[in-house]
PDB file of N, CA and C in Angstrom:
ATOM      1  N   MET A   1     -12.467  -8.551  -4.242  1.00  0.00           N
ATOM      2  CA  MET A   1     -13.176  -7.524  -5.232  1.00  0.00           C
ATOM      3  C   MET A   1     -14.680  -7.728  -5.352  1.00  0.00           C
ATOM      4  N   SER A   2     -15.415  -6.623  -5.257  1.00  0.00           N
ATOM      5  CA  SER A   2     -16.881  -6.781  -5.275  1.00  0.00           C
ATOM      6  C   SER A   2     -17.393  -6.303  -6.672  1.00  0.00           C
ATOM      7  N   GLY A   3     -18.306  -6.891  -7.240  1.00  0.00           N
ATOM      8  CA  GLY A   3     -18.830  -6.525  -8.495  1.00  0.00           C
ATOM      9  C   GLY A   3     -17.780  -6.375  -9.624  1.00  0.00           C
ATOM     10  N   VAL A   4     -17.802  -5.265 -10.280  1.00  0.00           N
ATOM     11  CA  VAL A   4     -16.815  -5.147 -11.426  1.00  0.00           C
ATOM     12  C   VAL A   4     -16.048  -3.780 -11.236  1.00  0.00           C
ATOM     13  N   ASP A   5     -15.749  -3.793  -9.965  1.00  0.00           N
ATOM     14  CA  ASP A   5     -14.850  -2.706  -9.531  1.00  0.00           C
ATOM     15  C   ASP A   5     -13.553  -3.171  -9.867  1.00  0.00           C
ATOM     16  N   LEU A   6     -12.933  -2.562 -10.766  1.00  0.00           N
ATOM     17  CA  LEU A   6     -11.368  -2.899 -11.313  1.00  0.00           C
ATOM     18  C   LEU A   6     -10.389  -1.942 -10.749  1.00  0.00           C
ATOM     19  N   SER A   7     -10.604  -1.480  -9.383  1.00  0.00           N
ATOM     20  CA  SER A   7      -9.576  -0.644  -8.907  1.00  0.00           C
ATOM     21  C   SER A   7      -8.201  -1.353  -8.671  1.00  0.00           C
ATOM     22  N   GLU A   8      -8.274  -2.687  -8.654  1.00  0.00           N
ATOM     23  CA  GLU A   8      -6.952  -3.358  -8.598  1.00  0.00           C
ATOM     24  C   GLU A   8      -6.214  -3.242  -9.821  1.00  0.00           C
ATOM     25  N   LEU A   9      -6.858  -2.728 -10.928  1.00  0.00           N
ATOM     26  CA  LEU A   9      -6.108  -2.575 -12.297  1.00  0.00           C
ATOM     27  C   LEU A   9      -5.941  -1.027 -12.467  1.00  0.00           C
ATOM     28  N   ALA A  10      -5.951  -0.197 -11.521  1.00  0.00           N
ATOM     29  CA  ALA A  10      -5.909   1.343 -11.662  1.00  0.00           C
ATOM     30  C   ALA A  10      -4.649   1.558 -12.428  1.00  0.00           C
ATOM     31  N   ASN A  11      -3.649   0.948 -12.114  1.00  0.00           N
ATOM     32  CA  ASN A  11      -2.347   1.330 -12.637  1.00  0.00           C
ATOM     33  C   ASN A  11      -1.830   0.255 -13.813  1.00  0.00           C
ATOM     34  N   LEU A  12      -2.755  -0.237 -14.465  1.00  0.00           N
ATOM     35  CA  LEU A  12      -2.393  -1.200 -15.533  1.00  0.00           C
ATOM     36  C   LEU A  12      -1.611  -0.707 -16.509  1.00  0.00           C
ATOM     37  N   GLU A  13      -1.788   0.562 -16.984  1.00  0.00           N
ATOM     38  CA  GLU A  13      -0.861   1.058 -17.993  1.00  0.00           C
ATOM     39  C   GLU A  13       0.572   1.081 -17.511  1.00  0.00           C
ATOM     40  N   GLN A  14       0.927   1.426 -16.216  1.00  0.00           N
ATOM     41  CA  GLN A  14       2.232   1.309 -15.824  1.00  0.00           C
ATOM     42  C   GLN A  14       2.849  -0.155 -15.675  1.00  0.00           C
ATOM     43  N   ILE A  15       1.860  -0.886 -15.361  1.00  0.00           N
ATOM     44  CA  ILE A  15       2.286  -2.385 -15.175  1.00  0.00           C
ATOM     45  C   ILE A  15       2.634  -2.757 -16.567  1.00  0.00           C
ATOM     46  N   ILE A  16       1.805  -2.528 -17.620  1.00  0.00           N
ATOM     47  CA  ILE A  16       2.061  -2.890 -19.025  1.00  0.00           C
ATOM     48  C   ILE A  16       3.472  -2.381 -19.391  1.00  0.00           C
ATOM     49  N   ASP A  17       3.530  -1.050 -19.236  1.00  0.00           N
ATOM     50  CA  ASP A  17       4.760  -0.345 -19.686  1.00  0.00           C
ATOM     51  C   ASP A  17       5.964  -0.975 -19.054  1.00  0.00           C
ATOM     52  N   ARG A  18       6.002  -1.221 -17.834  1.00  0.00           N
ATOM     53  CA  ARG A  18       7.123  -1.926 -17.131  1.00  0.00           C
ATOM     54  C   ARG A  18       7.338  -3.251 -17.574  1.00  0.00           C
ATOM     55  N   HIS A  19       6.321  -4.011 -17.739  1.00  0.00           N
ATOM     56  CA  HIS A  19       6.322  -5.443 -18.266  1.00  0.00           C
ATOM     57  C   HIS A  19       6.935  -5.485 -19.741  1.00  0.00           C
ATOM     58  N   TRP A  20       6.404  -4.567 -20.686  1.00  0.00           N
ATOM     59  CA  TRP A  20       6.784  -4.658 -22.102  1.00  0.00           C
ATOM     60  C   TRP A  20       8.240  -4.239 -22.120  1.00  0.00           C
ATOM     61  N   ARG A  21       8.618  -3.037 -21.401  1.00  0.00           N
ATOM     62  CA  ARG A  21      10.151  -2.635 -21.445  1.00  0.00           C
ATOM     63  C   ARG A  21      10.916  -3.591 -20.973  1.00  0.00           C
ATOM     64  N   THR A  22      10.617  -4.332 -20.009  1.00  0.00           N
ATOM     65  CA  THR A  22      11.671  -5.401 -19.306  1.00  0.00           C
ATOM     66  C   THR A  22      11.608  -6.574 -19.972  1.00  0.00           C
ATOM     67  N   HIS A  23      10.525  -7.197 -20.509  1.00  0.00           N
ATOM     68  CA  HIS A  23      10.317  -8.624 -20.921  1.00  0.00           C
ATOM     69  C   HIS A  23      10.041  -8.544 -22.379  1.00  0.00           C
ATOM     70  N   ARG A  24       9.578  -7.376 -23.040  1.00  0.00           N
ATOM     71  CA  ARG A  24       9.289  -7.464 -24.513  1.00  0.00           C
ATOM     72  C   ARG A  24      10.099  -6.272 -25.175  1.00  0.00           C
ATOM     73  N   SER A  25      11.384  -6.154 -24.914  1.00  0.00           N
ATOM     74  CA  SER A  25      12.115  -4.994 -25.182  1.00  0.00           C
ATOM     75  C   SER A  25      12.097  -4.789 -26.802  1.00  0.00           C
ATOM     76  N   ARG A  26      12.160  -5.691 -27.575  1.00  0.00           N
ATOM     77  CA  ARG A  26      11.968  -5.429 -28.963  1.00  0.00           C
ATOM     78  C   ARG A  26      10.854  -4.891 -29.421  1.00  0.00           C
ATOM     79  N   LEU A  27       9.645  -5.395 -28.784  1.00  0.00           N
ATOM     80  CA  LEU A  27       8.296  -4.796 -29.255  1.00  0.00           C
ATOM     81  C   LEU A  27       8.194  -3.502 -28.780  1.00  0.00           C
ATOM     82  N   TYR A  28       8.615  -3.303 -27.483  1.00  0.00           N
ATOM     83  CA  TYR A  28       8.734  -1.934 -26.809  1.00  0.00           C
ATOM     84  C   TYR A  28       9.397  -0.819 -27.787  1.00  0.00           C
ATOM     85  N   ALA A  29      10.677  -1.293 -28.144  1.00  0.00           N
ATOM     86  CA  ALA A  29      11.433  -0.404 -28.943  1.00  0.00           C
ATOM     87  C   ALA A  29      10.958  -0.102 -30.174  1.00  0.00           C
ATOM     88  N   ASP A  30      10.321  -0.978 -30.966  1.00  0.00           N
ATOM     89  CA  ASP A  30       9.679  -1.005 -32.339  1.00  0.00           C
ATOM     90  C   ASP A  30       8.432   0.103 -32.175  1.00  0.00           C
ATOM     91  N   LEU A  31       7.596  -0.181 -31.145  1.00  0.00           N
ATOM     92  CA  LEU A  31       6.289   0.760 -30.981  1.00  0.00           C
ATOM     93  C   LEU A  31       6.725   2.061 -30.599  1.00  0.00           C
ATOM     94  N   GLU A  32       7.753   2.186 -29.810  1.00  0.00           N
ATOM     95  CA  GLU A  32       8.347   3.520 -29.466  1.00  0.00           C
ATOM     96  C   GLU A  32       8.699   4.244 -30.756  1.00  0.00           C
ATOM     97  N   ALA A  33       9.636   3.499 -31.663  1.00  0.00           N
ATOM     98  CA  ALA A  33      10.144   4.082 -32.821  1.00  0.00           C
ATOM     99  C   ALA A  33       8.863   4.567 -33.893  1.00  0.00           C
ATOM    100  N   GLN A  34       7.951   3.623 -33.885  1.00  0.00           N
ATOM    101  CA  GLN A  34       6.957   4.034 -34.823  1.00  0.00           C
ATOM    102  C   GLN A  34       5.762   5.011 -34.157  1.00  0.00           C
ATOM    103  N   GLY A  35       6.213   5.497 -32.946  1.00  0.00           N
ATOM    104  CA  GLY A  35       5.259   6.383 -32.332  1.00  0.00           C
ATOM    105  C   GLY A  35       3.913   5.801 -31.716  1.00  0.00           C
ATOM    106  N   GLN A  36       3.986   4.557 -31.670  1.00  0.00           N
ATOM    107  CA  GLN A  36       2.728   3.929 -31.210  1.00  0.00           C
ATOM    108  C   GLN A  36       2.832   3.265 -29.904  1.00  0.00           C
ATOM    109  N   LEU A  37       3.761   3.536 -28.948  1.00  0.00           N
ATOM    110  CA  LEU A  37       3.910   2.942 -27.729  1.00  0.00           C
ATOM    111  C   LEU A  37       2.685   3.186 -26.877  1.00  0.00           C
ATOM    112  N   GLU A  38       2.514   4.565 -26.755  1.00  0.00           N
ATOM    113  CA  GLU A  38       1.570   4.938 -25.609  1.00  0.00           C
ATOM    114  C   GLU A  38       0.228   4.530 -26.054  1.00  0.00           C
ATOM    115  N   GLU A  39      -0.204   4.585 -27.371  1.00  0.00           N
ATOM    116  CA  GLU A  39      -1.460   4.082 -27.695  1.00  0.00           C
ATOM    117  C   GLU A  39      -1.605   2.586 -27.579  1.00  0.00           C
ATOM    118  N   SER A  40      -0.563   1.760 -27.916  1.00  0.00           N
ATOM    119  CA  SER A  40      -0.682   0.456 -27.802  1.00  0.00           C
ATOM    120  C   SER A  40      -0.911  -0.018 -26.229  1.00  0.00           C
ATOM    121  N   ILE A  41      -0.137   0.670 -25.277  1.00  0.00           N
ATOM    122  CA  ILE A  41      -0.306   0.472 -23.941  1.00  0.00           C
ATOM    123  C   ILE A  41      -1.640   0.738 -23.487  1.00  0.00           C
ATOM    124  N   ARG A  42      -2.181   1.924 -24.150  1.00  0.00           N
ATOM    125  CA  ARG A  42      -3.506   2.293 -23.645  1.00  0.00           C
ATOM    126  C   ARG A  42      -4.526   1.310 -24.055  1.00  0.00           C
ATOM    127  N   GLN A  43      -4.416   0.956 -25.329  1.00  0.00           N
ATOM    128  CA  GLN A  43      -5.423  -0.085 -25.978  1.00  0.00           C
ATOM    129  C   GLN A  43      -5.317  -1.479 -25.177  1.00  0.00           C
ATOM    130  N   ALA A  44      -4.035  -1.879 -24.918  1.00  0.00           N
ATOM    131  CA  ALA A  44      -4.067  -3.057 -24.192  1.00  0.00           C
ATOM    132  C   ALA A  44      -4.455  -3.137 -22.856  1.00  0.00           C
ATOM    133  N   ALA A  45      -4.419  -2.141 -22.142  1.00  0.00           N
ATOM    134  CA  ALA A  45      -5.119  -1.934 -20.794  1.00  0.00           C
ATOM    135  C   ALA A  45      -6.544  -1.755 -21.078  1.00  0.00           C
ATOM    136  N   GLU A  46      -7.070  -0.973 -21.923  1.00  0.00           N
ATOM    137  CA  GLU A  46      -8.574  -0.995 -22.183  1.00  0.00           C
ATOM    138  C   GLU A  46      -9.021  -2.439 -22.456  1.00  0.00           C
ATOM    139  N   ASP A  47      -8.357  -3.128 -23.293  1.00  0.00           N
ATOM    140  CA  ASP A  47      -8.962  -4.446 -23.677  1.00  0.00           C
ATOM    141  C   ASP A  47      -8.920  -5.296 -22.612  1.00  0.00           C
ATOM    142  N   THR A  48      -7.879  -5.262 -21.671  1.00  0.00           N
ATOM    143  CA  THR A  48      -7.800  -6.103 -20.542  1.00  0.00           C
ATOM    144  C   THR A  48      -8.931  -5.801 -19.623  1.00  0.00           C
ATOM    145  N   ARG A  49      -8.953  -4.544 -19.259  1.00  0.00           N
ATOM    146  CA  ARG A  49     -10.031  -3.991 -18.408  1.00  0.00           C
ATOM    147  C   ARG A  49     -11.513  -4.505 -18.905  1.00  0.00           C
ATOM    148  N   GLY A  50     -11.784  -4.313 -20.136  1.00  0.00           N
ATOM    149  CA  GLY A  50     -13.056  -4.775 -20.622  1.00  0.00           C
ATOM    150  C   GLY A  50     -13.340  -6.111 -20.387  1.00  0.00           C
ATOM    151  N   ALA A  51     -12.165  -7.081 -20.747  1.00  0.00           N
ATOM    152  CA  ALA A  51     -12.560  -8.466 -20.704  1.00  0.00           C
ATOM    153  C   ALA A  51     -12.677  -8.924 -19.111  1.00  0.00           C
ATOM    154  N   MET A  52     -11.871  -8.118 -18.273  1.00  0.00           N
ATOM    155  CA  MET A  52     -11.950  -8.580 -16.913  1.00  0.00           C
ATOM    156  C   MET A  52     -13.425  -8.060 -16.427  1.00  0.00           C
ATOM    157  N   ARG A  53     -13.896  -6.923 -16.786  1.00  0.00           N
ATOM    158  CA  ARG A  53     -15.230  -6.384 -16.453  1.00  0.00           C
ATOM    159  C   ARG A  53     -16.249  -7.566 -16.852  1.00  0.00           C
ATOM    160  N   GLN A  54     -16.186  -8.029 -18.137  1.00  0.00           N
ATOM    161  CA  GLN A  54     -17.069  -8.984 -18.542  1.00  0.00           C
ATOM    162  C   GLN A  54     -17.050 -10.211 -17.706  1.00  0.00           C
ATOM    163  N   LEU A  55     -15.870 -10.818 -17.444  1.00  0.00           N
ATOM    164  CA  LEU A  55     -15.682 -12.080 -16.760  1.00  0.00           C
ATOM    165  C   LEU A  55     -16.124 -11.953 -15.293  1.00  0.00           C
ATOM    166  N   VAL A  56     -15.574 -10.808 -14.602  1.00  0.00           N
ATOM    167  CA  VAL A  56     -16.037 -10.677 -13.259  1.00  0.00           C
ATOM    168  C   VAL A  56     -17.576 -10.365 -13.038  1.00  0.00           C
ATOM    169  N   GLY A  57     -18.042  -9.711 -14.165  1.00  0.00           N
ATOM    170  CA  GLY A  57     -19.433  -9.489 -14.092  1.00  0.00           C
ATOM    171  C   GLY A  57     -20.191 -10.525 -14.160  1.00  0.00           C
ATOM    172  N   SER A  58     -19.846 -11.633 -14.835  1.00  0.00           N
ATOM    173  CA  SER A  58     -20.463 -12.748 -15.091  1.00  0.00           C
ATOM    174  C   SER A  58     -20.222 -13.951 -14.044  1.00  0.00           C
ATOM    175  N   GLY A  59     -19.450 -13.420 -12.815  1.00  0.00           N
ATOM    176  CA  GLY A  59     -19.488 -14.170 -11.620  1.00  0.00           C
ATOM    177  C   GLY A  59     -17.999 -14.830 -11.464  1.00  0.00           C
ATOM    178  N   LEU A  60     -17.177 -14.711 -12.451  1.00  0.00           N
ATOM    179  CA  LEU A  60     -15.900 -15.260 -12.116  1.00  0.00           C
ATOM    180  C   LEU A  60     -15.153 -14.318 -11.013  1.00  0.00           C
ATOM    181  N   GLY A  61     -14.407 -15.022 -10.361  1.00  0.00           N
ATOM    182  CA  GLY A  61     -13.550 -14.333  -9.476  1.00  0.00           C
ATOM    183  C   GLY A  61     -12.337 -13.500  -9.967  1.00  0.00           C
ATOM    184  N   PHE A  62     -11.991 -12.431  -9.368  1.00  0.00           N
ATOM    185  CA  PHE A  62     -10.951 -11.568  -9.902  1.00  0.00           C
ATOM    186  C   PHE A  62      -9.715 -12.345 -10.215  1.00  0.00           C
ATOM    187  N   PRO A  63      -9.064 -13.092  -9.349  1.00  0.00           N
ATOM    188  CA  PRO A  63      -7.858 -13.891  -9.742  1.00  0.00           C
ATOM    189  C   PRO A  63      -8.064 -14.683 -10.848  1.00  0.00           C
ATOM    190  N   GLU A  64      -9.230 -15.500 -11.087  1.00  0.00           N
ATOM    191  CA  GLU A  64      -9.448 -16.241 -12.208  1.00  0.00           C
ATOM    192  C   GLU A  64      -9.678 -15.702 -13.513  1.00  0.00           C
ATOM    193  N   ALA A  65     -10.299 -14.381 -13.410  1.00  0.00           N
ATOM    194  CA  ALA A  65     -10.428 -13.575 -14.598  1.00  0.00           C
ATOM    195  C   ALA A  65      -9.195 -12.956 -15.130  1.00  0.00           C
ATOM    196  N   TRP A  66      -8.200 -12.591 -13.918  1.00  0.00           N
ATOM    197  CA  TRP A  66      -6.913 -12.076 -14.409  1.00  0.00           C
ATOM    198  C   TRP A  66      -6.099 -13.172 -14.971  1.00  0.00           C
ATOM    199  N   ALA A  67      -6.232 -14.370 -14.501  1.00  0.00           N
ATOM    200  CA  ALA A  67      -5.440 -15.403 -15.201  1.00  0.00           C
ATOM    201  C   ALA A  67      -6.059 -15.804 -16.529  1.00  0.00           C
ATOM    202  N   ALA A  68      -7.175 -15.542 -16.807  1.00  0.00           N
ATOM    203  CA  ALA A  68      -7.796 -16.004 -18.129  1.00  0.00           C
ATOM    204  C   ALA A  68      -7.443 -14.951 -19.309  1.00  0.00           C
ATOM    205  N   VAL A  69      -7.263 -13.738 -18.862  1.00  0.00           N
ATOM    206  CA  VAL A  69      -6.996 -12.591 -19.778  1.00  0.00           C
ATOM    207  C   VAL A  69      -5.724 -11.906 -19.776  1.00  0.00           C
ATOM    208  N   ARG A  70      -4.813 -12.019 -18.834  1.00  0.00           N
ATOM    209  CA  ARG A  70      -3.618 -11.386 -18.585  1.00  0.00           C
ATOM    210  C   ARG A  70      -2.638 -11.361 -19.868  1.00  0.00           C
ATOM    211  N   GLU A  71      -2.518 -12.541 -20.427  1.00  0.00           N
ATOM    212  CA  GLU A  71      -1.557 -12.705 -21.511  1.00  0.00           C
ATOM    213  C   GLU A  71      -2.130 -12.438 -22.852  1.00  0.00           C
ATOM    214  N   GLU A  72      -3.367 -12.167 -22.775  1.00  0.00           N
ATOM    215  CA  GLU A  72      -3.978 -11.682 -24.238  1.00  0.00           C
ATOM    216  C   GLU A  72      -3.475 -10.384 -24.758  1.00  0.00           C
ATOM    217  N   TRP A  73      -3.434  -9.363 -23.833  1.00  0.00           N
ATOM    218  CA  TRP A  73      -3.012  -7.994 -24.305  1.00  0.00           C
ATOM    219  C   TRP A  73      -2.095  -7.421 -23.274  1.00  0.00           C
ATOM    220  N   ALA A  74      -2.066  -7.542 -22.063  1.00  0.00           N
ATOM    221  CA  ALA A  74      -1.294  -6.862 -21.267  1.00  0.00           C
ATOM    222  C   ALA A  74       0.043  -7.555 -20.867  1.00  0.00           C
ATOM    223  N   ILE A  75      -0.007  -8.724 -20.280  1.00  0.00           N
ATOM    224  CA  ILE A  75       1.299  -9.379 -19.803  1.00  0.00           C
ATOM    225  C   ILE A  75       1.680 -10.415 -20.867  1.00  0.00           C
ATOM    226  N   LEU A  76       2.221  -9.981 -22.029  1.00  0.00           N
ATOM    227  CA  LEU A  76       2.542 -10.760 -23.171  1.00  0.00           C
ATOM    228  C   LEU A  76       3.703 -11.676 -22.801  1.00  0.00           C
ATOM    229  N   PRO A  77       3.856 -12.774 -23.254  1.00  0.00           N
ATOM    230  CA  PRO A  77       4.867 -13.839 -22.887  1.00  0.00           C
ATOM    231  C   PRO A  77       6.195 -13.239 -23.231  1.00  0.00           C
ATOM    232  N   ALA A  78       7.122 -13.376 -22.520  1.00  0.00           N
ATOM    233  CA  ALA A  78       8.458 -12.714 -22.652  1.00  0.00           C
ATOM    234  C   ALA A  78       9.207 -13.190 -23.812  1.00  0.00           C
ATOM    235  N   GLU A  79      10.084 -12.185 -24.330  1.00  0.00           N
ATOM    236  CA  GLU A  79      10.775 -12.434 -25.537  1.00  0.00           C
ATOM    237  C   GLU A  79      12.007 -13.462 -24.948  1.00  0.00           C
ATOM    238  N   GLY A  80      12.194 -14.544 -25.546  1.00  0.00           N
ATOM    239  CA  GLY A  80      13.362 -15.373 -25.195  1.00  0.00           C
ATOM    240  C   GLY A  80      12.912 -16.656 -24.567  1.00  0.00           C
ATOM    241  N   ASP A  81      13.419 -17.036 -23.659  1.00  0.00           N
ATOM    242  CA  ASP A  81      13.370 -18.310 -22.794  1.00  0.00           C
ATOM    243  C   ASP A  81      12.334 -18.433 -21.820  1.00  0.00           C
ATOM    244  N   ALA A  82      11.928 -19.693 -21.457  1.00  0.00           N
ATOM    245  CA  ALA A  82      10.849 -19.956 -20.315  1.00  0.00           C
ATOM    246  C   ALA A  82      11.301 -19.245 -19.048  1.00  0.00           C
ATOM    247  N   ASP A  83      12.373 -19.314 -18.743  1.00  0.00           N
ATOM    248  CA  ASP A  83      12.945 -18.561 -17.396  1.00  0.00           C
ATOM    249  C   ASP A  83      12.363 -17.058 -17.440  1.00  0.00           C
ATOM    250  N   LEU A  84      12.532 -16.412 -18.499  1.00  0.00           N
ATOM    251  CA  LEU A  84      12.144 -15.081 -18.629  1.00  0.00           C
ATOM    252  C   LEU A  84      10.640 -14.858 -18.475  1.00  0.00           C
ATOM    253  N   GLU A  85      10.020 -15.774 -19.143  1.00  0.00           N
ATOM    254  CA  GLU A  85       8.511 -15.894 -19.347  1.00  0.00           C
ATOM    255  C   GLU A  85       7.957 -15.998 -17.769  1.00  0.00           C
ATOM    256  N   ASP A  86       8.657 -16.960 -17.049  1.00  0.00           N
ATOM    257  CA  ASP A  86       8.229 -17.175 -15.546  1.00  0.00           C
ATOM    258  C   ASP A  86       8.401 -15.894 -14.719  1.00  0.00           C
ATOM    259  N   ALA A  87       9.656 -15.307 -14.930  1.00  0.00           N
ATOM    260  CA  ALA A  87      10.012 -14.001 -14.331  1.00  0.00           C
ATOM    261  C   ALA A  87       9.051 -13.048 -14.531  1.00  0.00           C
ATOM    262  N   ALA A  88       8.573 -12.900 -15.887  1.00  0.00           N
ATOM    263  CA  ALA A  88       7.697 -11.873 -16.353  1.00  0.00           C
ATOM    264  C   ALA A  88       6.279 -12.007 -15.589  1.00  0.00           C
ATOM    265  N   LEU A  89       5.861 -13.354 -15.564  1.00  0.00           N
ATOM    266  CA  LEU A  89       4.586 -13.512 -14.947  1.00  0.00           C
ATOM    267  C   LEU A  89       4.686 -13.263 -13.456  1.00  0.00           C
ATOM    268  N   ARG A  90       5.885 -13.385 -12.725  1.00  0.00           N
ATOM    269  CA  ARG A  90       5.904 -13.191 -11.490  1.00  0.00           C
ATOM    270  C   ARG A  90       5.900 -11.766 -11.263  1.00  0.00           C
ATOM    271  N   ASP A  91       6.468 -11.116 -11.990  1.00  0.00           N
ATOM    272  CA  ASP A  91       6.598  -9.535 -11.913  1.00  0.00           C
ATOM    273  C   ASP A  91       5.098  -8.861 -12.097  1.00  0.00           C
ATOM    274  N   ALA A  92       4.422  -9.550 -13.007  1.00  0.00           N
ATOM    275  CA  ALA A  92       3.092  -8.863 -13.297  1.00  0.00           C
ATOM    276  C   ALA A  92       2.097  -9.394 -12.135  1.00  0.00           C
ATOM    277  N   MET A  93       2.194 -10.613 -11.519  1.00  0.00           N
ATOM    278  CA  MET A  93       1.405 -10.983 -10.346  1.00  0.00           C
ATOM    279  C   MET A  93       1.763  -9.995  -9.086  1.00  0.00           C
ATOM    280  N   GLN A  94       3.087  -9.604  -8.990  1.00  0.00           N
ATOM    281  CA  GLN A  94       3.580  -8.746  -7.995  1.00  0.00           C
ATOM    282  C   GLN A  94       2.780  -7.362  -8.206  1.00  0.00           C
ATOM    283  N   ALA A  95       2.794  -6.845  -9.323  1.00  0.00           N
ATOM    284  CA  ALA A  95       2.360  -5.643  -9.598  1.00  0.00           C
ATOM    285  C   ALA A  95       0.874  -5.819  -9.277  1.00  0.00           C
ATOM    286  N   VAL A  96       0.120  -6.504  -9.779  1.00  0.00           N
ATOM    287  CA  VAL A  96      -1.285  -6.484  -9.602  1.00  0.00           C
ATOM    288  C   VAL A  96      -1.708  -6.935  -8.290  1.00  0.00           C
ATOM    289  N   PHE A  97      -1.265  -7.973  -7.726  1.00  0.00           N
ATOM    290  CA  PHE A  97      -1.752  -8.429  -6.415  1.00  0.00           C
ATOM    291  C   PHE A  97      -0.891  -8.257  -5.268  1.00  0.00           C
ATOM    292  N   GLY A  98       0.392  -7.971  -5.521  1.00  0.00           N
ATOM    293  CA  GLY A  98       1.220  -7.707  -4.425  1.00  0.00           C
ATOM    294  C   GLY A  98       1.822  -9.015  -3.987  1.00  0.00           C
ATOM    295  N   ILE A  99       1.718 -10.052  -4.799  1.00  0.00           N
ATOM    296  CA  ILE A  99       2.154 -11.315  -4.359  1.00  0.00           C
ATOM    297  C   ILE A  99       3.908 -11.258  -4.330  1.00  0.00           C
ATOM    298  N   GLY A 100       4.228 -11.862  -3.105  1.00  0.00           N
ATOM    299  CA  GLY A 100       5.739 -11.689  -2.896  1.00  0.00           C
ATOM    300  C   GLY A 100       5.964 -10.844  -1.716  1.00  0.00           C
ATOM    301  N   ASP A 101       4.952 -10.259  -1.275  1.00  0.00           N
ATOM    302  CA  ASP A 101       5.130  -9.554   0.141  1.00  0.00           C
ATOM    303  C   ASP A 101       5.560 -10.471   1.184  1.00  0.00           C
ATOM    304  N   GLU A 102       5.974  -9.828   2.182  1.00  0.00           N
ATOM    305  CA  GLU A 102       6.749 -10.546   3.367  1.00  0.00           C
ATOM    306  C   GLU A 102       5.875 -11.640   3.956  1.00  0.00           C
ATOM    307  N   ASP A 103       4.625 -11.603   3.890  1.00  0.00           N
ATOM    308  CA  ASP A 103       3.790 -12.683   4.402  1.00  0.00           C
ATOM    309  C   ASP A 103       3.674 -13.697   3.521  1.00  0.00           C
ATOM    310  N   GLY A 104       3.885 -13.556   2.264  1.00  0.00           N
ATOM    311  CA  GLY A 104       3.963 -14.701   1.261  1.00  0.00           C
ATOM    312  C   GLY A 104       2.518 -15.247   0.967  1.00  0.00           C
ATOM    313  N   GLU A 105       1.420 -14.511   1.455  1.00  0.00           N
ATOM    314  CA  GLU A 105       0.218 -15.128   1.151  1.00  0.00           C
ATOM    315  C   GLU A 105      -0.354 -14.688  -0.146  1.00  0.00           C
ATOM    316  N   GLU A 106      -1.358 -15.540  -0.465  1.00  0.00           N
ATOM    317  CA  GLU A 106      -2.042 -15.066  -1.878  1.00  0.00           C
ATOM    318  C   GLU A 106      -2.868 -13.940  -1.428  1.00  0.00           C
ATOM    319  N   PRO A 107      -2.929 -12.919  -2.326  1.00  0.00           N
ATOM    320  CA  PRO A 107      -3.607 -11.634  -2.213  1.00  0.00           C
ATOM    321  C   PRO A 107      -5.192 -11.889  -1.979  1.00  0.00           C
ATOM    322  N   TRP A 108      -5.818 -12.919  -2.642  1.00  0.00           N
ATOM    323  CA  TRP A 108      -7.263 -13.135  -2.372  1.00  0.00           C
ATOM    324  C   TRP A 108      -7.567 -13.968  -1.318  1.00  0.00           C
ATOM    325  N   GLY A 109      -6.739 -14.388  -0.473  1.00  0.00           N
ATOM    326  CA  GLY A 109      -6.981 -15.341   0.666  1.00  0.00           C
ATOM    327  C   GLY A 109      -7.267 -16.875   0.276  1.00  0.00           C
ATOM    328  N   GLU A 110      -7.605 -17.510   1.242  1.00  0.00           N
ATOM    329  CA  GLU A 110      -7.821 -18.934   1.061  1.00  0.00           C
ATOM    330  C   GLU A 110      -9.352 -19.282   0.679  1.00  0.00           C
ATOM    331  N   ASP A 111     -10.094 -18.418   0.990  1.00  0.00           N
ATOM    332  CA  ASP A 111     -11.733 -18.570   0.653  1.00  0.00           C
ATOM    333  C   ASP A 111     -11.971 -18.556  -0.795  1.00  0.00           C
ATOM    334  N   GLU A 112     -11.386 -17.969  -1.583  1.00  0.00           N
ATOM    335  CA  GLU A 112     -11.727 -17.976  -3.067  1.00  0.00           C
ATOM    336  C   GLU A 112     -10.877 -18.950  -3.840  1.00  0.00           C
TER     337      GLU A 112
END
């Protein structure tokens, strides 16, 4: 990633929606029942992108910036046990970076 181009997070709203629906089902249902789901997802994505933009703009690499902010707004810890939380993080990393592809390599390579 060069500069503050956050094209890697272009589908962040869909990532958040899928993550919350799968790993935060009570939160998802509550927000949906209150009519606040779409706005909450939009705000979580906006906050995450803003924080990413600041960190990457200050020189932090994309993977490090993502690790620093992902659990603040977007990839909330899973409801329940640690195994679910680990699965939730794996799902999020797959969605953003494509980790878990056939080659099994880190998406940012070995140089970063």
